[in-house]
All heavy atoms as atom14 arrays in JSON, in Angstrom:
{
  "sequence": "PKVPVFETTYFDPNKSNISPTASKALDRNGMLLKDNPKVKVEIGGHS",
  "atom14_mask": [
    [1, 1, 1, 1, 1, 1, 1, 0, 0, 0, 0, 0, 0, 0],
    [1, 1, 1, 1, 1, 1, 1, 1, 1, 0, 0, 0, 0, 0],
    [1, 1, 1, 1, 1, 1, 1, 0, 0, 0, 0, 0, 0, 0],
    [1, 1, 1, 1, 1, 1, 1, 0, 0, 0, 0, 0, 0, 0],
    [1, 1, 1, 1, 1, 1, 1, 0, 0, 0, 0, 0, 0, 0],
    [1, 1, 1, 1, 1, 1, 1, 1, 1, 1, 1, 0, 0, 0],
    [1, 1, 1, 1, 1, 1, 1, 1, 1, 0, 0, 0, 0, 0],
    [1, 1, 1, 1, 1, 1, 1, 0, 0, 0, 0, 0, 0, 0],
    [1, 1, 1, 1, 1, 1, 1, 0, 0, 0, 0, 0, 0, 0],
    [1, 1, 1, 1, 1, 1, 1, 1, 1, 1, 1, 1, 0, 0],
    [1, 1, 1, 1, 1, 1, 1, 1, 1, 1, 1, 0, 0, 0],
    [1, 1, 1, 1, 1, 1, 1, 1, 0, 0, 0, 0, 0, 0],
    [1, 1, 1, 1, 1, 1, 1, 0, 0, 0, 0, 0, 0, 0],
    [1, 1, 1, 1, 1, 1, 1, 1, 0, 0, 0, 0, 0, 0],
    [1, 1, 1, 1, 1, 1, 1, 1, 1, 0, 0, 0, 0, 0],
    [1, 1, 1, 1, 1, 1, 0, 0, 0, 0, 0, 0, 0, 0],
    [1, 1, 1, 1, 1, 1, 1, 1, 0, 0, 0, 0, 0, 0],
    [1, 1, 1, 1, 1, 1, 1, 1, 0, 0, 0, 0, 0, 0],
    [1, 1, 1, 1, 1, 1, 0, 0, 0, 0, 0, 0, 0, 0],
    [1, 1, 1, 1, 1, 1, 1, 0, 0, 0, 0, 0, 0, 0],
    [1, 1, 1, 1, 1, 1, 1, 0, 0, 0, 0, 0, 0, 0],
    [1, 1, 1, 1, 1, 0, 0, 0, 0, 0, 0, 0, 0, 0],
    [1, 1, 1, 1, 1, 1, 0, 0, 0, 0, 0, 0, 0, 0],
    [1, 1, 1, 1, 1, 1, 1, 1, 1, 0, 0, 0, 0, 0],
    [1, 1, 1, 1, 1, 0, 0, 0, 0, 0, 0, 0, 0, 0],
    [1, 1, 1, 1, 1, 1, 1, 1, 0, 0, 0, 0, 0, 0],
    [1, 1, 1, 1, 1, 1, 1, 1, 0, 0, 0, 0, 0, 0],
    [1, 1, 1, 1, 1, 1, 1, 1, 1, 1, 1, 0, 0, 0],
    [1, 1, 1, 1, 1, 1, 1, 1, 0, 0, 0, 0, 0, 0],
    [1, 1, 1, 1, 0, 0, 0, 0, 0, 0, 0, 0, 0, 0],
    [1, 1, 1, 1, 1, 1, 1, 1, 0, 0, 0, 0, 0, 0],
    [1, 1, 1, 1, 1, 1, 1, 1, 0, 0, 0, 0, 0, 0],
    [1, 1, 1, 1, 1, 1, 1, 1, 0, 0, 0, 0, 0, 0],
    [1, 1, 1, 1, 1, 1, 1, 1, 1, 0, 0, 0, 0, 0],
    [1, 1, 1, 1, 1, 1, 1, 1, 0, 0, 0, 0, 0, 0],
    [1, 1, 1, 1, 1, 1, 1, 1, 0, 0, 0, 0, 0, 0],
    [1, 1, 1, 1, 1, 1, 1, 0, 0, 0, 0, 0, 0, 0],
    [1, 1, 1, 1, 1, 1, 1, 1, 1, 0, 0, 0, 0, 0],
    [1, 1, 1, 1, 1, 1, 1, 0, 0, 0, 0, 0, 0, 0],
    [1, 1, 1, 1, 1, 1, 1, 1, 1, 0, 0, 0, 0, 0],
    [1, 1, 1, 1, 1, 1, 1, 0, 0, 0, 0, 0, 0, 0],
    [1, 1, 1, 1, 1, 1, 1, 1, 1, 0, 0, 0, 0, 0],
    [1, 1, 1, 1, 1, 1, 1, 1, 0, 0, 0, 0, 0, 0],
    [1, 1, 1, 1, 0, 0, 0, 0, 0, 0, 0, 0, 0, 0],
    [1, 1, 1, 1, 0, 0, 0, 0, 0, 0, 0, 0, 0, 0],
    [1, 1, 1, 1, 1, 1, 1, 1, 1, 1, 0, 0, 0, 0],
    [1, 1, 1, 1, 1, 1, 0, 0, 0, 0, 0, 0, 0, 0]
  ],
  "atom14_positions": [
    [[47.65, -15.66, 60.6], [46.95, -15.74, 59.33], [46.64, -17.19, 58.96], [47.39, -18.07, 59.29], [47.91, -15.12, 58.3], [49.23, -15.19, 58.95], [49.01, -15.21, 60.44], [0.0, 0.0, 0.0], [0.0, 0.0, 0.0], [0.0, 0.0, 0.0], [0.0, 0.0, 0.0], [0.0, 0.0, 0.0], [0.0, 0.0, 0.0], [0.0, 0.0, 0.0]],
    [[45.49, -17.37, 58.32], [45.14, -18.67, 57.93], [45.96, -19.14, 56.78], [46.18, -18.43, 55.82], [43.65, -18.76, 57.55], [42.73, -18.6, 58.73], [41.3, -18.81, 58.32], [40.41, -18.67, 59.54], [39.04, -18.95, 59.25], [0.0, 0.0, 0.0], [0.0, 0.0, 0.0], [0.0, 0.0, 0.0], [0.0, 0.0, 0.0], [0.0, 0.0, 0.0]],
    [[46.52, -20.33, 56.9], [47.36, -20.89, 55.87], [46.53, -21.91, 55.1], [45.91, -22.8, 55.69], [48.6, -21.58, 56.46], [49.42, -22.26, 55.39], [49.41, -20.61, 57.26], [0.0, 0.0, 0.0], [0.0, 0.0, 0.0], [0.0, 0.0, 0.0], [0.0, 0.0, 0.0], [0.0, 0.0, 0.0], [0.0, 0.0, 0.0], [0.0, 0.0, 0.0]],
    [[46.46, -21.77, 53.78], [45.65, -22.73, 52.99], [46.24, -24.11, 53.1], [47.44, -24.26, 53.14], [45.67, -22.21, 51.59], [46.73, -21.18, 51.54], [47.05, -20.74, 52.94], [0.0, 0.0, 0.0], [0.0, 0.0, 0.0], [0.0, 0.0, 0.0], [0.0, 0.0, 0.0], [0.0, 0.0, 0.0], [0.0, 0.0, 0.0], [0.0, 0.0, 0.0]],
    [[45.39, -25.08, 53.19], [45.79, -26.48, 53.23], [45.43, -27.13, 51.91], [44.27, -27.26, 51.54], [45.09, -27.24, 54.4], [45.51, -28.71, 54.4], [45.42, -26.58, 55.73], [0.0, 0.0, 0.0], [0.0, 0.0, 0.0], [0.0, 0.0, 0.0], [0.0, 0.0, 0.0], [0.0, 0.0, 0.0], [0.0, 0.0, 0.0], [0.0, 0.0, 0.0]],
    [[46.47, -27.51, 51.2], [46.31, -28.08, 49.84], [46.13, -29.6, 49.96], [46.69, -30.24, 50.86], [47.5, -27.74, 48.97], [47.58, -26.28, 48.68], [48.37, -25.39, 49.43], [46.89, -25.72, 47.59], [48.45, -24.08, 49.12], [46.93, -24.37, 47.32], [47.73, -23.54, 48.08], [0.0, 0.0, 0.0], [0.0, 0.0, 0.0], [0.0, 0.0, 0.0]],
    [[45.41, -30.13, 49.0], [45.14, -31.54, 48.93], [46.21, -32.23, 48.05], [46.65, -31.67, 47.09], [43.76, -31.84, 48.37], [42.69, -31.44, 49.35], [41.3, -31.99, 48.94], [41.25, -33.1, 48.38], [40.33, -31.27, 49.21], [0.0, 0.0, 0.0], [0.0, 0.0, 0.0], [0.0, 0.0, 0.0], [0.0, 0.0, 0.0], [0.0, 0.0, 0.0]],
    [[46.49, -33.45, 48.43], [47.39, -34.29, 47.65], [46.6, -34.87, 46.48], [45.46, -35.27, 46.64], [47.99, -35.43, 48.53], [48.65, -34.77, 49.65], [48.94, -36.26, 47.77], [0.0, 0.0, 0.0], [0.0, 0.0, 0.0], [0.0, 0.0, 0.0], [0.0, 0.0, 0.0], [0.0, 0.0, 0.0], [0.0, 0.0, 0.0], [0.0, 0.0, 0.0]],
    [[47.24, -34.92, 45.34], [46.64, -35.49, 44.16], [47.26, -36.83, 43.87], [48.53, -36.91, 43.83], [46.8, -34.55, 42.94], [46.33, -33.25, 43.32], [46.04, -35.04, 41.75], [0.0, 0.0, 0.0], [0.0, 0.0, 0.0], [0.0, 0.0, 0.0], [0.0, 0.0, 0.0], [0.0, 0.0, 0.0], [0.0, 0.0, 0.0], [0.0, 0.0, 0.0]],
    [[46.49, -37.86, 43.63], [47.04, -39.23, 43.4], [46.86, -39.62, 41.92], [45.96, -39.2, 41.24], [46.35, -40.23, 44.31], [46.62, -39.93, 45.78], [45.66, -39.21, 46.57], [47.77, -40.32, 46.37], [45.96, -38.9, 47.87], [48.07, -40.02, 47.71], [47.15, -39.31, 48.45], [47.4, -39.0, 49.74], [0.0, 0.0, 0.0], [0.0, 0.0, 0.0]],
    [[47.81, -40.51, 41.46], [47.81, -40.92, 40.05], [47.85, -42.48, 39.98], [48.28, -43.15, 40.89], [49.08, -40.34, 39.38], [49.01, -38.88, 39.23], [49.39, -37.99, 40.28], [48.63, -38.32, 38.03], [49.3, -36.63, 40.11], [48.58, -36.94, 37.86], [48.91, -36.1, 38.91], [0.0, 0.0, 0.0], [0.0, 0.0, 0.0], [0.0, 0.0, 0.0]],
    [[47.4, -42.93, 38.81], [47.44, -44.36, 38.5], [48.89, -44.77, 38.18], [49.71, -43.92, 37.81], [46.52, -44.68, 37.33], [45.06, -44.48, 37.67], [44.67, -44.71, 38.87], [44.27, -44.09, 36.8], [0.0, 0.0, 0.0], [0.0, 0.0, 0.0], [0.0, 0.0, 0.0], [0.0, 0.0, 0.0], [0.0, 0.0, 0.0], [0.0, 0.0, 0.0]],
    [[49.24, -46.08, 38.28], [50.6, -46.49, 37.96], [51.02, -46.1, 36.56], [50.23, -46.19, 35.59], [50.52, -48.02, 38.06], [49.32, -48.32, 38.88], [48.37, -47.18, 38.63], [0.0, 0.0, 0.0], [0.0, 0.0, 0.0], [0.0, 0.0, 0.0], [0.0, 0.0, 0.0], [0.0, 0.0, 0.0], [0.0, 0.0, 0.0], [0.0, 0.0, 0.0]],
    [[52.23, -45.58, 36.4], [52.83, -45.21, 35.14], [51.97, -44.17, 34.39], [52.05, -44.07, 33.14], [53.07, -46.41, 34.25], [54.07, -47.34, 34.93], [55.08, -46.93, 35.47], [53.69, -48.63, 34.92], [0.0, 0.0, 0.0], [0.0, 0.0, 0.0], [0.0, 0.0, 0.0], [0.0, 0.0, 0.0], [0.0, 0.0, 0.0], [0.0, 0.0, 0.0]],
    [[51.17, -43.39, 35.05], [50.31, -42.38, 34.38], [50.56, -41.04, 34.97], [50.92, -40.84, 36.12], [48.81, -42.73, 34.63], [48.34, -44.08, 34.15], [48.21, -44.07, 32.68], [47.65, -45.43, 32.25], [47.6, -45.6, 30.82], [0.0, 0.0, 0.0], [0.0, 0.0, 0.0], [0.0, 0.0, 0.0], [0.0, 0.0, 0.0], [0.0, 0.0, 0.0]],
    [[50.36, -40.03, 34.1], [50.47, -38.62, 34.55], [49.24, -37.83, 34.14], [49.2, -36.59, 34.4], [51.71, -37.96, 33.95], [51.65, -37.98, 32.51], [0.0, 0.0, 0.0], [0.0, 0.0, 0.0], [0.0, 0.0, 0.0], [0.0, 0.0, 0.0], [0.0, 0.0, 0.0], [0.0, 0.0, 0.0], [0.0, 0.0, 0.0], [0.0, 0.0, 0.0]],
    [[48.25, -38.51, 33.54], [47.03, -37.81, 33.15], [46.16, -37.58, 34.37], [46.24, -38.28, 35.37], [46.3, -38.56, 32.04], [45.83, -39.94, 32.51], [46.62, -40.67, 33.15], [44.62, -40.33, 32.18], [0.0, 0.0, 0.0], [0.0, 0.0, 0.0], [0.0, 0.0, 0.0], [0.0, 0.0, 0.0], [0.0, 0.0, 0.0], [0.0, 0.0, 0.0]],
    [[45.32, -36.56, 34.28], [44.43, -36.17, 35.38], [43.17, -37.0, 35.33], [42.34, -36.87, 34.39], [44.1, -34.67, 35.34], [45.37, -33.82, 35.21], [43.23, -34.23, 36.5], [46.3, -33.92, 36.4], [0.0, 0.0, 0.0], [0.0, 0.0, 0.0], [0.0, 0.0, 0.0], [0.0, 0.0, 0.0], [0.0, 0.0, 0.0], [0.0, 0.0, 0.0]],
    [[42.96, -37.87, 36.35], [41.75, -38.66, 36.47], [40.63, -37.84, 37.05], [40.91, -36.71, 37.62], [42.04, -39.89, 37.39], [42.22, -39.45, 38.71], [0.0, 0.0, 0.0], [0.0, 0.0, 0.0], [0.0, 0.0, 0.0], [0.0, 0.0, 0.0], [0.0, 0.0, 0.0], [0.0, 0.0, 0.0], [0.0, 0.0, 0.0], [0.0, 0.0, 0.0]],
    [[39.39, -38.28, 37.03], [38.29, -37.54, 37.68], [38.56, -37.28, 39.17], [38.27, -36.24, 39.68], [37.04, -38.42, 37.46], [37.36, -39.16, 36.21], [38.86, -39.44, 36.26], [0.0, 0.0, 0.0], [0.0, 0.0, 0.0], [0.0, 0.0, 0.0], [0.0, 0.0, 0.0], [0.0, 0.0, 0.0], [0.0, 0.0, 0.0], [0.0, 0.0, 0.0]],
    [[39.13, -38.29, 39.87], [39.4, -38.1, 41.29], [40.51, -37.06, 41.48], [40.41, -36.21, 42.34], [39.88, -39.43, 41.88], [38.86, -40.42, 41.62], [40.09, -39.32, 43.39], [0.0, 0.0, 0.0], [0.0, 0.0, 0.0], [0.0, 0.0, 0.0], [0.0, 0.0, 0.0], [0.0, 0.0, 0.0], [0.0, 0.0, 0.0], [0.0, 0.0, 0.0]],
    [[41.53, -37.11, 40.64], [42.65, -36.11, 40.71], [42.14, -34.73, 40.4], [42.54, -33.75, 41.02], [43.74, -36.5, 39.74], [0.0, 0.0, 0.0], [0.0, 0.0, 0.0], [0.0, 0.0, 0.0], [0.0, 0.0, 0.0], [0.0, 0.0, 0.0], [0.0, 0.0, 0.0], [0.0, 0.0, 0.0], [0.0, 0.0, 0.0], [0.0, 0.0, 0.0]],
    [[41.14, -34.61, 39.44], [40.67, -33.28, 39.1], [39.91, -32.62, 40.25], [39.99, -31.43, 40.43], [39.77, -33.34, 37.87], [38.59, -34.01, 38.15], [0.0, 0.0, 0.0], [0.0, 0.0, 0.0], [0.0, 0.0, 0.0], [0.0, 0.0, 0.0], [0.0, 0.0, 0.0], [0.0, 0.0, 0.0], [0.0, 0.0, 0.0], [0.0, 0.0, 0.0]],
    [[39.25, -33.44, 41.07], [38.56, -32.85, 42.25], [39.53, -32.24, 43.22], [39.34, -31.14, 43.71], [37.71, -33.94, 42.94], [36.49, -34.33, 42.13], [35.72, -35.4, 42.85], [34.54, -35.86, 42.0], [33.83, -37.0, 42.58], [0.0, 0.0, 0.0], [0.0, 0.0, 0.0], [0.0, 0.0, 0.0], [0.0, 0.0, 0.0], [0.0, 0.0, 0.0]],
    [[40.66, -32.98, 43.49], [41.66, -32.4, 44.39], [42.34, -31.17, 43.76], [42.53, -30.16, 44.44], [42.76, -33.47, 44.69], [0.0, 0.0, 0.0], [0.0, 0.0, 0.0], [0.0, 0.0, 0.0], [0.0, 0.0, 0.0], [0.0, 0.0, 0.0], [0.0, 0.0, 0.0], [0.0, 0.0, 0.0], [0.0, 0.0, 0.0], [0.0, 0.0, 0.0]],
    [[42.63, -31.23, 42.47], [43.25, -30.09, 41.81], [42.3, -28.89, 41.76], [42.72, -27.74, 41.84], [43.72, -30.47, 40.42], [44.94, -31.39, 40.39], [45.23, -31.93, 38.98], [46.16, -30.74, 40.99], [0.0, 0.0, 0.0], [0.0, 0.0, 0.0], [0.0, 0.0, 0.0], [0.0, 0.0, 0.0], [0.0, 0.0, 0.0], [0.0, 0.0, 0.0]],
    [[41.03, -29.12, 41.59], [40.03, -28.06, 41.63], [40.04, -27.32, 42.97], [40.0, -26.07, 43.04], [38.6, -28.54, 41.28], [38.43, -28.87, 39.81], [39.2, -28.35, 38.98], [37.52, -29.64, 39.52], [0.0, 0.0, 0.0], [0.0, 0.0, 0.0], [0.0, 0.0, 0.0], [0.0, 0.0, 0.0], [0.0, 0.0, 0.0], [0.0, 0.0, 0.0]],
    [[40.09, -28.11, 44.07], [40.14, -27.46, 45.38], [41.42, -26.66, 45.52], [41.43, -25.56, 46.05], [40.03, -28.53, 46.48], [38.59, -29.07, 46.61], [38.42, -29.96, 47.83], [38.83, -31.32, 47.61], [38.16, -32.28, 47.01], [36.95, -32.03, 46.55], [38.64, -33.49, 46.88], [0.0, 0.0, 0.0], [0.0, 0.0, 0.0], [0.0, 0.0, 0.0]],
    [[42.51, -27.23, 45.06], [43.81, -26.49, 45.14], [43.82, -25.25, 44.27], [44.34, -24.21, 44.65], [44.97, -27.44, 44.76], [45.2, -28.54, 45.75], [44.66, -28.47, 46.86], [45.95, -29.53, 45.4], [0.0, 0.0, 0.0], [0.0, 0.0, 0.0], [0.0, 0.0, 0.0], [0.0, 0.0, 0.0], [0.0, 0.0, 0.0], [0.0, 0.0, 0.0]],
    [[43.21, -25.35, 43.08], [43.09, -24.19, 42.2], [42.28, -23.07, 42.84], [42.65, -21.9, 42.73], [0.0, 0.0, 0.0], [0.0, 0.0, 0.0], [0.0, 0.0, 0.0], [0.0, 0.0, 0.0], [0.0, 0.0, 0.0], [0.0, 0.0, 0.0], [0.0, 0.0, 0.0], [0.0, 0.0, 0.0], [0.0, 0.0, 0.0], [0.0, 0.0, 0.0]],
    [[41.23, -23.41, 43.51], [40.38, -22.43, 44.17], [41.17, -21.75, 45.35], [41.03, -20.55, 45.55], [39.09, -23.03, 44.73], [38.08, -23.35, 43.62], [37.61, -21.95, 42.59], [36.87, -20.89, 43.75], [0.0, 0.0, 0.0], [0.0, 0.0, 0.0], [0.0, 0.0, 0.0], [0.0, 0.0, 0.0], [0.0, 0.0, 0.0], [0.0, 0.0, 0.0]],
    [[41.95, -22.56, 46.05], [42.78, -22.01, 47.12], [43.78, -21.03, 46.59], [43.98, -19.94, 47.18], [43.5, -23.13, 47.9], [42.68, -23.93, 48.88], [43.47, -25.09, 49.44], [42.25, -23.03, 50.04], [0.0, 0.0, 0.0], [0.0, 0.0, 0.0], [0.0, 0.0, 0.0], [0.0, 0.0, 0.0], [0.0, 0.0, 0.0], [0.0, 0.0, 0.0]],
    [[44.4, -21.34, 45.47], [45.35, -20.41, 44.84], [44.66, -19.16, 44.34], [45.19, -18.05, 44.5], [46.13, -21.12, 43.72], [47.16, -22.11, 44.19], [47.68, -22.93, 43.04], [48.34, -21.38, 44.85], [0.0, 0.0, 0.0], [0.0, 0.0, 0.0], [0.0, 0.0, 0.0], [0.0, 0.0, 0.0], [0.0, 0.0, 0.0], [0.0, 0.0, 0.0]],
    [[43.48, -19.32, 43.8], [42.74, -18.17, 43.28], [42.29, -17.26, 44.43], [42.38, -16.04, 44.32], [41.51, -18.66, 42.49], [40.82, -17.57, 41.74], [39.77, -18.12, 40.81], [39.27, -17.06, 39.95], [38.64, -17.5, 38.74], [0.0, 0.0, 0.0], [0.0, 0.0, 0.0], [0.0, 0.0, 0.0], [0.0, 0.0, 0.0], [0.0, 0.0, 0.0]],
    [[41.91, -17.85, 45.58], [41.45, -17.11, 46.72], [42.58, -16.46, 47.53], [42.37, -15.62, 48.41], [40.59, -17.95, 47.65], [39.28, -18.38, 47.03], [38.86, -17.76, 46.05], [38.65, -19.34, 47.52], [0.0, 0.0, 0.0], [0.0, 0.0, 0.0], [0.0, 0.0, 0.0], [0.0, 0.0, 0.0], [0.0, 0.0, 0.0], [0.0, 0.0, 0.0]],
    [[43.8, -16.95, 47.34], [44.98, -16.48, 48.03], [46.04, -16.01, 47.05], [47.05, -16.72, 46.85], [45.52, -17.55, 48.98], [44.51, -17.96, 50.03], [44.4, -17.27, 51.04], [43.77, -19.04, 49.79], [0.0, 0.0, 0.0], [0.0, 0.0, 0.0], [0.0, 0.0, 0.0], [0.0, 0.0, 0.0], [0.0, 0.0, 0.0], [0.0, 0.0, 0.0]],
    [[45.84, -14.86, 46.43], [46.74, -14.45, 45.33], [48.2, -14.2, 45.7], [49.03, -14.14, 44.78], [46.07, -13.18, 44.8], [45.21, -12.69, 45.92], [44.8, -13.89, 46.7], [0.0, 0.0, 0.0], [0.0, 0.0, 0.0], [0.0, 0.0, 0.0], [0.0, 0.0, 0.0], [0.0, 0.0, 0.0], [0.0, 0.0, 0.0], [0.0, 0.0, 0.0]],
    [[48.53, -14.12, 46.94], [49.9, -13.91, 47.34], [50.68, -15.21, 47.6], [51.87, -15.22, 47.81], [49.98, -13.04, 48.58], [49.51, -11.59, 48.31], [49.72, -10.72, 49.51], [49.23, -9.32, 49.16], [49.36, -8.38, 50.32], [0.0, 0.0, 0.0], [0.0, 0.0, 0.0], [0.0, 0.0, 0.0], [0.0, 0.0, 0.0], [0.0, 0.0, 0.0]],
    [[49.93, -16.32, 47.57], [50.54, -17.61, 47.9], [51.26, -18.14, 46.64], [50.7, -18.18, 45.53], [49.48, -18.63, 48.41], [50.06, -20.02, 48.53], [48.95, -18.17, 49.73], [0.0, 0.0, 0.0], [0.0, 0.0, 0.0], [0.0, 0.0, 0.0], [0.0, 0.0, 0.0], [0.0, 0.0, 0.0], [0.0, 0.0, 0.0], [0.0, 0.0, 0.0]],
    [[52.5, -18.62, 46.87], [53.28, -19.32, 45.82], [53.47, -20.76, 46.31], [53.66, -21.0, 47.48], [54.61, -18.64, 45.62], [54.49, -17.26, 45.03], [55.88, -16.66, 44.79], [55.78, -15.25, 44.21], [57.08, -14.7, 43.88], [0.0, 0.0, 0.0], [0.0, 0.0, 0.0], [0.0, 0.0, 0.0], [0.0, 0.0, 0.0], [0.0, 0.0, 0.0]],
    [[53.46, -21.69, 45.35], [53.6, -23.09, 45.72], [54.64, -23.8, 44.93], [54.94, -23.41, 43.77], [52.22, -23.85, 45.59], [51.19, -23.4, 46.57], [51.73, -23.78, 44.15], [0.0, 0.0, 0.0], [0.0, 0.0, 0.0], [0.0, 0.0, 0.0], [0.0, 0.0, 0.0], [0.0, 0.0, 0.0], [0.0, 0.0, 0.0], [0.0, 0.0, 0.0]],
    [[55.16, -24.84, 45.54], [55.97, -25.81, 44.82], [55.09, -27.0, 44.57], [54.46, -27.49, 45.51], [57.19, -26.24, 45.63], [57.98, -27.35, 44.96], [59.02, -27.94, 45.91], [60.05, -27.29, 46.14], [58.77, -29.08, 46.39], [0.0, 0.0, 0.0], [0.0, 0.0, 0.0], [0.0, 0.0, 0.0], [0.0, 0.0, 0.0], [0.0, 0.0, 0.0]],
    [[55.02, -27.47, 43.36], [54.26, -28.68, 43.04], [55.26, -29.8, 42.92], [56.05, -29.83, 41.98], [53.46, -28.49, 41.71], [52.52, -27.26, 41.84], [52.64, -29.72, 41.41], [51.85, -26.87, 40.58], [0.0, 0.0, 0.0], [0.0, 0.0, 0.0], [0.0, 0.0, 0.0], [0.0, 0.0, 0.0], [0.0, 0.0, 0.0], [0.0, 0.0, 0.0]],
    [[55.25, -30.62, 43.92], [56.25, -31.74, 43.98], [55.64, -33.08, 43.47], [54.63, -33.49, 43.95], [0.0, 0.0, 0.0], [0.0, 0.0, 0.0], [0.0, 0.0, 0.0], [0.0, 0.0, 0.0], [0.0, 0.0, 0.0], [0.0, 0.0, 0.0], [0.0, 0.0, 0.0], [0.0, 0.0, 0.0], [0.0, 0.0, 0.0], [0.0, 0.0, 0.0]],
    [[56.3, -33.59, 42.43], [55.84, -34.91, 41.86], [56.59, -36.04, 42.53], [57.78, -35.96, 42.77], [0.0, 0.0, 0.0], [0.0, 0.0, 0.0], [0.0, 0.0, 0.0], [0.0, 0.0, 0.0], [0.0, 0.0, 0.0], [0.0, 0.0, 0.0], [0.0, 0.0, 0.0], [0.0, 0.0, 0.0], [0.0, 0.0, 0.0], [0.0, 0.0, 0.0]],
    [[55.86, -37.11, 42.82], [56.41, -38.3, 43.46], [55.96, -39.57, 42.7], [54.95, -39.57, 42.02], [55.9, -38.38, 44.9], [56.29, -37.2, 45.73], [57.4, -37.14, 46.47], [55.66, -35.99, 45.91], [57.48, -35.97, 47.1], [56.41, -35.28, 46.76], [0.0, 0.0, 0.0], [0.0, 0.0, 0.0], [0.0, 0.0, 0.0], [0.0, 0.0, 0.0]],
    [[56.75, -40.61, 42.88], [56.4, -41.88, 42.3], [56.55, -43.0, 43.32], [57.13, -42.78, 44.38], [57.29, -42.21, 41.09], [58.62, -42.34, 41.52], [0.0, 0.0, 0.0], [0.0, 0.0, 0.0], [0.0, 0.0, 0.0], [0.0, 0.0, 0.0], [0.0, 0.0, 0.0], [0.0, 0.0, 0.0], [0.0, 0.0, 0.0], [0.0, 0.0, 0.0]]
  ]
}
């Protein structure tokens, strides 16, 4: 079975808000989750 490949989302220093660049990656990830309703994910935050 095809496994969805999620994109990494990057952030500015000391920021957690969603930039326009981050929103593009999150939009692709959101569509993957919507198209694959049985998939569960861990969203791991890094600094």
